[in-house]
Amino acid sequence: MTIEQDIRSNPPCQPRACAIQGCLTRNGFDEGKCTKFVDSLYECCQAFYANNGDHARSASCPKADLLRLRIEQRREPK
């Protein structure tokens, strides 16, 4: 699916959130093996908020301010 399709899903970005759950299940809940899926969800959520404003809600996305914080934290070296 494209990002546009995922934004229009109900709830928005749910296919990408489900992909994270599937990856975690397959990999013994090792988030390190699922980073591309987390990045993909965050990309979708960013587009969702860009289209709908920071006060929009999706059960699949963290609130806009928390999303930005998580993205920033992922960029920091560990």
PDB file of N, CA and C in Angstrom:
ATOM      1  N   MET A   1       0.835  -1.186   0.000  1.00  0.00           N
ATOM      2  CA  MET A   1       0.000   0.000   0.000  1.00  0.00           C
ATOM      3  C   MET A   1       0.874   1.241   0.000  1.00  0.00           C
ATOM      4  N   THR A   2       0.324   2.301  -0.537  1.00  0.00           N
ATOM      5  CA  THR A   2       1.049   3.570  -0.532  1.00  0.00           C
ATOM      6  C   THR A   2       0.751   4.328   0.753  1.00  0.00           C
ATOM      7  N   ILE A   3       1.519   5.350   1.004  1.00  0.00           N
ATOM      8  CA  ILE A   3       1.287   6.156   2.207  1.00  0.00           C
ATOM      9  C   ILE A   3      -0.088   6.812   2.147  1.00  0.00           C
ATOM     10  N   GLU A   4      -0.521   7.228   0.951  1.00  0.00           N
ATOM     11  CA  GLU A   4      -1.841   7.840   0.801  1.00  0.00           C
ATOM     12  C   GLU A   4      -2.944   6.855   1.176  1.00  0.00           C
ATOM     13  N   GLN A   5      -2.795   5.608   0.771  1.00  0.00           N
ATOM     14  CA  GLN A   5      -3.780   4.584   1.124  1.00  0.00           C
ATOM     15  C   GLN A   5      -3.758   4.310   2.629  1.00  0.00           C
ATOM     16  N   ASP A   6      -2.572   4.258   3.202  1.00  0.00           N
ATOM     17  CA  ASP A   6      -2.460   3.990   4.634  1.00  0.00           C
ATOM     18  C   ASP A   6      -3.047   5.126   5.469  1.00  0.00           C
ATOM     19  N   ILE A   7      -2.904   6.362   4.997  1.00  0.00           N
ATOM     20  CA  ILE A   7      -3.489   7.505   5.710  1.00  0.00           C
ATOM     21  C   ILE A   7      -5.014   7.419   5.678  1.00  0.00           C
ATOM     22  N   ARG A   8      -5.567   6.910   4.579  1.00  0.00           N
ATOM     23  CA  ARG A   8      -7.020   6.810   4.432  1.00  0.00           C
ATOM     24  C   ARG A   8      -7.602   5.546   5.072  1.00  0.00           C
ATOM     25  N   SER A   9      -6.756   4.660   5.584  1.00  0.00           N
ATOM     26  CA  SER A   9      -7.274   3.452   6.228  1.00  0.00           C
ATOM     27  C   SER A   9      -8.017   3.855   7.503  1.00  0.00           C
ATOM     28  N   ASN A  10      -8.761   2.921   8.061  1.00  0.00           N
ATOM     29  CA  ASN A  10      -9.525   3.223   9.262  1.00  0.00           C
ATOM     30  C   ASN A  10      -9.113   2.255  10.372  1.00  0.00           C
ATOM     31  N   PRO A  11      -8.421   2.712  11.406  1.00  0.00           N
ATOM     32  CA  PRO A  11      -7.922   4.064  11.608  1.00  0.00           C
ATOM     33  C   PRO A  11      -6.696   4.348  10.737  1.00  0.00           C
ATOM     34  N   PRO A  12      -6.411   5.633  10.546  1.00  0.00           N
ATOM     35  CA  PRO A  12      -5.257   5.996   9.718  1.00  0.00           C
ATOM     36  C   PRO A  12      -3.972   5.323  10.199  1.00  0.00           C
ATOM     37  N   CYS A  13      -3.214   4.827   9.261  1.00  0.00           N
ATOM     38  CA  CYS A  13      -1.895   4.210   9.466  1.00  0.00           C
ATOM     39  C   CYS A  13      -1.967   2.830  10.117  1.00  0.00           C
ATOM     40  N   GLN A  14      -3.138   2.260  10.260  1.00  0.00           N
ATOM     41  CA  GLN A  14      -3.274   0.956  10.903  1.00  0.00           C
ATOM     42  C   GLN A  14      -2.489  -0.151  10.203  1.00  0.00           C
ATOM     43  N   PRO A  15      -2.446  -0.204   8.861  1.00  0.00           N
ATOM     44  CA  PRO A  15      -1.667  -1.279   8.242  1.00  0.00           C
ATOM     45  C   PRO A  15      -0.194  -1.272   8.670  1.00  0.00           C
ATOM     46  N   ARG A  16       0.337  -0.088   8.869  1.00  0.00           N
ATOM     47  CA  ARG A  16       1.746   0.005   9.277  1.00  0.00           C
ATOM     48  C   ARG A  16       1.930  -0.383  10.742  1.00  0.00           C
ATOM     49  N   ALA A  17       0.966  -0.045  11.580  1.00  0.00           N
ATOM     50  CA  ALA A  17       1.027  -0.463  12.983  1.00  0.00           C
ATOM     51  C   ALA A  17       0.927  -1.985  13.086  1.00  0.00           C
ATOM     52  N   CYS A  18       0.061  -2.572  12.275  1.00  0.00           N
ATOM     53  CA  CYS A  18      -0.087  -4.032  12.270  1.00  0.00           C
ATOM     54  C   CYS A  18       1.198  -4.708  11.778  1.00  0.00           C
ATOM     55  N   ALA A  19       1.889  -4.075  10.844  1.00  0.00           N
ATOM     56  CA  ALA A  19       3.148  -4.638  10.343  1.00  0.00           C
ATOM     57  C   ALA A  19       4.192  -4.686  11.462  1.00  0.00           C
ATOM     58  N   ILE A  20       4.184  -3.694  12.333  1.00  0.00           N
ATOM     59  CA  ILE A  20       5.106  -3.703  13.485  1.00  0.00           C
ATOM     60  C   ILE A  20       4.788  -4.892  14.382  1.00  0.00           C
ATOM     61  N   GLN A  21       3.513  -5.077  14.687  1.00  0.00           N
ATOM     62  CA  GLN A  21       3.120  -6.183  15.560  1.00  0.00           C
ATOM     63  C   GLN A  21       3.521  -7.525  14.963  1.00  0.00           C
ATOM     64  N   GLY A  22       3.317  -7.677  13.665  1.00  0.00           N
ATOM     65  CA  GLY A  22       3.708  -8.917  13.006  1.00  0.00           C
ATOM     66  C   GLY A  22       5.203  -9.149  13.086  1.00  0.00           C
ATOM     67  N   CYS A  23       5.972  -8.102  12.853  1.00  0.00           N
ATOM     68  CA  CYS A  23       7.426  -8.214  12.918  1.00  0.00           C
ATOM     69  C   CYS A  23       7.877  -8.571  14.329  1.00  0.00           C
ATOM     70  N   LEU A  24       7.314  -7.910  15.321  1.00  0.00           N
ATOM     71  CA  LEU A  24       7.694  -8.197  16.706  1.00  0.00           C
ATOM     72  C   LEU A  24       7.375  -9.641  17.075  1.00  0.00           C
ATOM     73  N   THR A  25       6.224 -10.104  16.659  1.00  0.00           N
ATOM     74  CA  THR A  25       5.828 -11.487  16.949  1.00  0.00           C
ATOM     75  C   THR A  25       6.796 -12.475  16.307  1.00  0.00           C
ATOM     76  N   ARG A  26       7.148 -12.220  15.049  1.00  0.00           N
ATOM     77  CA  ARG A  26       8.065 -13.122  14.335  1.00  0.00           C
ATOM     78  C   ARG A  26       9.478 -13.101  14.905  1.00  0.00           C
ATOM     79  N   ASN A  27       9.837 -12.012  15.582  1.00  0.00           N
ATOM     80  CA  ASN A  27      11.213 -11.835  16.038  1.00  0.00           C
ATOM     81  C   ASN A  27      11.345 -11.799  17.559  1.00  0.00           C
ATOM     82  N   GLY A  28      10.443 -12.482  18.240  1.00  0.00           N
ATOM     83  CA  GLY A  28      10.556 -12.582  19.693  1.00  0.00           C
ATOM     84  C   GLY A  28      10.511 -11.242  20.402  1.00  0.00           C
ATOM     85  N   PHE A  29       9.768 -10.301  19.846  1.00  0.00           N
ATOM     86  CA  PHE A  29       9.586  -8.971  20.407  1.00  0.00           C
ATOM     87  C   PHE A  29      10.889  -8.192  20.546  1.00  0.00           C
ATOM     88  N   ASP A  30      11.811  -8.438  19.621  1.00  0.00           N
ATOM     89  CA  ASP A  30      13.075  -7.703  19.544  1.00  0.00           C
ATOM     90  C   ASP A  30      12.859  -6.504  18.629  1.00  0.00           C
ATOM     91  N   GLU A  31      12.618  -5.337  19.232  1.00  0.00           N
ATOM     92  CA  GLU A  31      12.313  -4.132  18.453  1.00  0.00           C
ATOM     93  C   GLU A  31      13.448  -3.768  17.502  1.00  0.00           C
ATOM     94  N   GLY A  32      14.662  -4.093  17.860  1.00  0.00           N
ATOM     95  CA  GLY A  32      15.810  -3.791  17.014  1.00  0.00           C
ATOM     96  C   GLY A  32      15.710  -4.423  15.633  1.00  0.00           C
ATOM     97  N   LYS A  33      14.973  -5.516  15.533  1.00  0.00           N
ATOM     98  CA  LYS A  33      14.797  -6.186  14.244  1.00  0.00           C
ATOM     99  C   LYS A  33      13.622  -5.620  13.452  1.00  0.00           C
ATOM    100  N   CYS A  34      12.914  -4.651  14.010  1.00  0.00           N
ATOM    101  CA  CYS A  34      11.706  -4.125  13.375  1.00  0.00           C
ATOM    102  C   CYS A  34      11.775  -2.616  13.147  1.00  0.00           C
ATOM    103  N   THR A  35      12.960  -2.059  13.173  1.00  0.00           N
ATOM    104  CA  THR A  35      13.075  -0.595  13.075  1.00  0.00           C
ATOM    105  C   THR A  35      12.499  -0.040  11.777  1.00  0.00           C
ATOM    106  N   LYS A  36      12.650  -0.779  10.677  1.00  0.00           N
ATOM    107  CA  LYS A  36      12.121  -0.251   9.413  1.00  0.00           C
ATOM    108  C   LYS A  36      10.600  -0.143   9.463  1.00  0.00           C
ATOM    109  N   PHE A  37       9.945  -1.023  10.229  1.00  0.00           N
ATOM    110  CA  PHE A  37       8.494  -0.965  10.356  1.00  0.00           C
ATOM    111  C   PHE A  37       8.076   0.208  11.248  1.00  0.00           C
ATOM    112  N   VAL A  38       8.831   0.455  12.303  1.00  0.00           N
ATOM    113  CA  VAL A  38       8.558   1.600  13.172  1.00  0.00           C
ATOM    114  C   VAL A  38       8.759   2.889  12.387  1.00  0.00           C
ATOM    115  N   ASP A  39       9.856   2.974  11.632  1.00  0.00           N
ATOM    116  CA  ASP A  39      10.105   4.156  10.810  1.00  0.00           C
ATOM    117  C   ASP A  39       8.977   4.371   9.807  1.00  0.00           C
ATOM    118  N   SER A  40       8.469   3.296   9.239  1.00  0.00           N
ATOM    119  CA  SER A  40       7.389   3.384   8.268  1.00  0.00           C
ATOM    120  C   SER A  40       6.108   3.915   8.920  1.00  0.00           C
ATOM    121  N   LEU A  41       5.795   3.438  10.129  1.00  0.00           N
ATOM    122  CA  LEU A  41       4.624   3.948  10.841  1.00  0.00           C
ATOM    123  C   LEU A  41       4.803   5.431  11.130  1.00  0.00           C
ATOM    124  N   TYR A  42       5.965   5.822  11.619  1.00  0.00           N
ATOM    125  CA  TYR A  42       6.191   7.226  11.942  1.00  0.00           C
ATOM    126  C   TYR A  42       6.088   8.097  10.693  1.00  0.00           C
ATOM    127  N   GLU A  43       6.556   7.599   9.562  1.00  0.00           N
ATOM    128  CA  GLU A  43       6.419   8.333   8.302  1.00  0.00           C
ATOM    129  C   GLU A  43       4.938   8.547   7.973  1.00  0.00           C
ATOM    130  N   CYS A  44       4.145   7.504   8.129  1.00  0.00           N
ATOM    131  CA  CYS A  44       2.709   7.595   7.870  1.00  0.00           C
ATOM    132  C   CYS A  44       2.060   8.592   8.829  1.00  0.00           C
ATOM    133  N   CYS A  45       2.398   8.502  10.094  1.00  0.00           N
ATOM    134  CA  CYS A  45       1.810   9.395  11.089  1.00  0.00           C
ATOM    135  C   CYS A  45       2.187  10.854  10.832  1.00  0.00           C
ATOM    136  N   GLN A  46       3.425  11.090  10.432  1.00  0.00           N
ATOM    137  CA  GLN A  46       3.825  12.458  10.080  1.00  0.00           C
ATOM    138  C   GLN A  46       2.961  12.988   8.942  1.00  0.00           C
ATOM    139  N   ALA A  47       2.748  12.185   7.925  1.00  0.00           N
ATOM    140  CA  ALA A  47       1.917  12.596   6.792  1.00  0.00           C
ATOM    141  C   ALA A  47       0.466  12.796   7.242  1.00  0.00           C
ATOM    142  N   PHE A  48      -0.023  11.934   8.117  1.00  0.00           N
ATOM    143  CA  PHE A  48      -1.380  12.066   8.645  1.00  0.00           C
ATOM    144  C   PHE A  48      -1.546  13.412   9.340  1.00  0.00           C
ATOM    145  N   TYR A  49      -0.601  13.771  10.216  1.00  0.00           N
ATOM    146  CA  TYR A  49      -0.693  15.051  10.925  1.00  0.00           C
ATOM    147  C   TYR A  49      -0.485  16.238   9.980  1.00  0.00           C
ATOM    148  N   ALA A  50       0.374  16.085   8.990  1.00  0.00           N
ATOM    149  CA  ALA A  50       0.574  17.166   8.013  1.00  0.00           C
ATOM    150  C   ALA A  50      -0.728  17.446   7.255  1.00  0.00           C
ATOM    151  N   ASN A  51      -1.478  16.398   6.967  1.00  0.00           N
ATOM    152  CA  ASN A  51      -2.742  16.554   6.226  1.00  0.00           C
ATOM    153  C   ASN A  51      -3.896  17.008   7.112  1.00  0.00           C
ATOM    154  N   ASN A  52      -3.878  16.621   8.387  1.00  0.00           N
ATOM    155  CA  ASN A  52      -5.050  16.817   9.239  1.00  0.00           C
ATOM    156  C   ASN A  52      -4.830  17.727  10.441  1.00  0.00           C
ATOM    157  N   GLY A  53      -3.612  18.165  10.654  1.00  0.00           N
ATOM    158  CA  GLY A  53      -3.308  19.023  11.795  1.00  0.00           C
ATOM    159  C   GLY A  53      -2.912  18.218  13.023  1.00  0.00           C
ATOM    160  N   ASP A  54      -2.222  18.880  13.937  1.00  0.00           N
ATOM    161  CA  ASP A  54      -1.684  18.218  15.127  1.00  0.00           C
ATOM    162  C   ASP A  54      -2.764  17.716  16.088  1.00  0.00           C
ATOM    163  N   HIS A  55      -3.983  18.214  15.963  1.00  0.00           N
ATOM    164  CA  HIS A  55      -5.033  17.797  16.888  1.00  0.00           C
ATOM    165  C   HIS A  55      -5.847  16.617  16.367  1.00  0.00           C
ATOM    166  N   ALA A  56      -5.530  16.149  15.167  1.00  0.00           N
ATOM    167  CA  ALA A  56      -6.202  14.968  14.626  1.00  0.00           C
ATOM    168  C   ALA A  56      -5.843  13.756  15.483  1.00  0.00           C
ATOM    169  N   ARG A  57      -6.673  12.718  15.433  1.00  0.00           N
ATOM    170  CA  ARG A  57      -6.424  11.525  16.236  1.00  0.00           C
ATOM    171  C   ARG A  57      -6.482  10.264  15.378  1.00  0.00           C
ATOM    172  N   SER A  58      -5.577   9.367  15.651  1.00  0.00           N
ATOM    173  CA  SER A  58      -5.581   8.041  15.059  1.00  0.00           C
ATOM    174  C   SER A  58      -5.113   7.074  16.135  1.00  0.00           C
ATOM    175  N   ALA A  59      -5.845   5.986  16.310  1.00  0.00           N
ATOM    176  CA  ALA A  59      -5.466   4.987  17.313  1.00  0.00           C
ATOM    177  C   ALA A  59      -4.112   4.368  16.999  1.00  0.00           C
ATOM    178  N   SER A  60      -3.666   4.477  15.759  1.00  0.00           N
ATOM    179  CA  SER A  60      -2.398   3.870  15.350  1.00  0.00           C
ATOM    180  C   SER A  60      -1.196   4.783  15.523  1.00  0.00           C
ATOM    181  N   CYS A  61      -1.451   6.068  15.766  1.00  0.00           N
ATOM    182  CA  CYS A  61      -0.357   7.048  15.843  1.00  0.00           C
ATOM    183  C   CYS A  61      -0.248   7.658  17.230  1.00  0.00           C
ATOM    184  N   PRO A  62       0.991   7.874  17.690  1.00  0.00           N
ATOM    185  CA  PRO A  62       1.140   8.652  18.920  1.00  0.00           C
ATOM    186  C   PRO A  62       0.696  10.091  18.645  1.00  0.00           C
ATOM    187  N   LYS A  63       0.339  10.827  19.691  1.00  0.00           N
ATOM    188  CA  LYS A  63      -0.021  12.233  19.506  1.00  0.00           C
ATOM    189  C   LYS A  63       1.132  12.944  18.815  1.00  0.00           C
ATOM    190  N   ALA A  64       0.806  14.014  18.090  1.00  0.00           N
ATOM    191  CA  ALA A  64       1.786  14.690  17.229  1.00  0.00           C
ATOM    192  C   ALA A  64       3.052  15.107  17.975  1.00  0.00           C
ATOM    193  N   ASP A  65       2.908  15.693  19.160  1.00  0.00           N
ATOM    194  CA  ASP A  65       4.103  16.139  19.886  1.00  0.00           C
ATOM    195  C   ASP A  65       4.946  14.956  20.352  1.00  0.00           C
ATOM    196  N   LEU A  66       4.298  13.875  20.762  1.00  0.00           N
ATOM    197  CA  LEU A  66       5.026  12.677  21.167  1.00  0.00           C
ATOM    198  C   LEU A  66       5.698  12.021  19.961  1.00  0.00           C
ATOM    199  N   LEU A  67       5.022  12.024  18.830  1.00  0.00           N
ATOM    200  CA  LEU A  67       5.606  11.482  17.600  1.00  0.00           C
ATOM    201  C   LEU A  67       6.902  12.212  17.263  1.00  0.00           C
ATOM    202  N   ARG A  68       6.860  13.539  17.287  1.00  0.00           N
ATOM    203  CA  ARG A  68       8.076  14.317  16.975  1.00  0.00           C
ATOM    204  C   ARG A  68       9.198  14.003  17.968  1.00  0.00           C
ATOM    205  N   LEU A  69       8.868  13.856  19.234  1.00  0.00           N
ATOM    206  CA  LEU A  69       9.874  13.513  20.245  1.00  0.00           C
ATOM    207  C   LEU A  69      10.475  12.141  19.959  1.00  0.00           C
ATOM    208  N   ARG A  70       9.639  11.162  19.652  1.00  0.00           N
ATOM    209  CA  ARG A  70      10.143   9.812  19.373  1.00  0.00           C
ATOM    210  C   ARG A  70      11.031   9.796  18.130  1.00  0.00           C
ATOM    211  N   ILE A  71      10.642  10.546  17.114  1.00  0.00           N
ATOM    212  CA  ILE A  71      11.467  10.613  15.895  1.00  0.00           C
ATOM    213  C   ILE A  71      12.819  11.228  16.227  1.00  0.00           C
ATOM    214  N   GLU A  72      12.821  12.282  17.019  1.00  0.00           N
ATOM    215  CA  GLU A  72      14.072  12.924  17.412  1.00  0.00           C
ATOM    216  C   GLU A  72      14.938  11.971  18.236  1.00  0.00           C
ATOM    217  N   GLN A  73      14.345  11.236  19.139  1.00  0.00           N
ATOM    218  CA  GLN A  73      15.082  10.286  19.960  1.00  0.00           C
ATOM    219  C   GLN A  73      15.696   9.184  19.122  1.00  0.00           C
ATOM    220  N   ARG A  74      15.002   8.758  18.066  1.00  0.00           N
ATOM    221  CA  ARG A  74      15.524   7.705  17.199  1.00  0.00           C
ATOM    222  C   ARG A  74      16.728   8.200  16.398  1.00  0.00           C
ATOM    223  N   ARG A  75      16.817   9.500  16.183  1.00  0.00           N
ATOM    224  CA  ARG A  75      17.946  10.061  15.429  1.00  0.00           C
ATOM    225  C   ARG A  75      19.202  10.208  16.275  1.00  0.00           C
ATOM    226  N   GLU A  76      19.018  10.259  17.588  1.00  0.00           N
ATOM    227  CA  GLU A  76      20.158  10.452  18.496  1.00  0.00           C
ATOM    228  C   GLU A  76      21.016   9.191  18.524  1.00  0.00           C
ATOM    229  N   PRO A  77      22.332   9.370  18.531  1.00  0.00           N
ATOM    230  CA  PRO A  77      23.205   8.196  18.652  1.00  0.00           C
ATOM    231  C   PRO A  77      23.009   7.540  20.005  1.00  0.00           C
ATOM    232  N   LYS A  78      23.133   6.230  20.015  1.00  0.00           N
ATOM    233  CA  LYS A  78      22.935   5.495  21.289  1.00  0.00           C
ATOM    234  C   LYS A  78      24.245   5.149  21.922  1.00  0.00           C
TER     235      LYS A  78
END
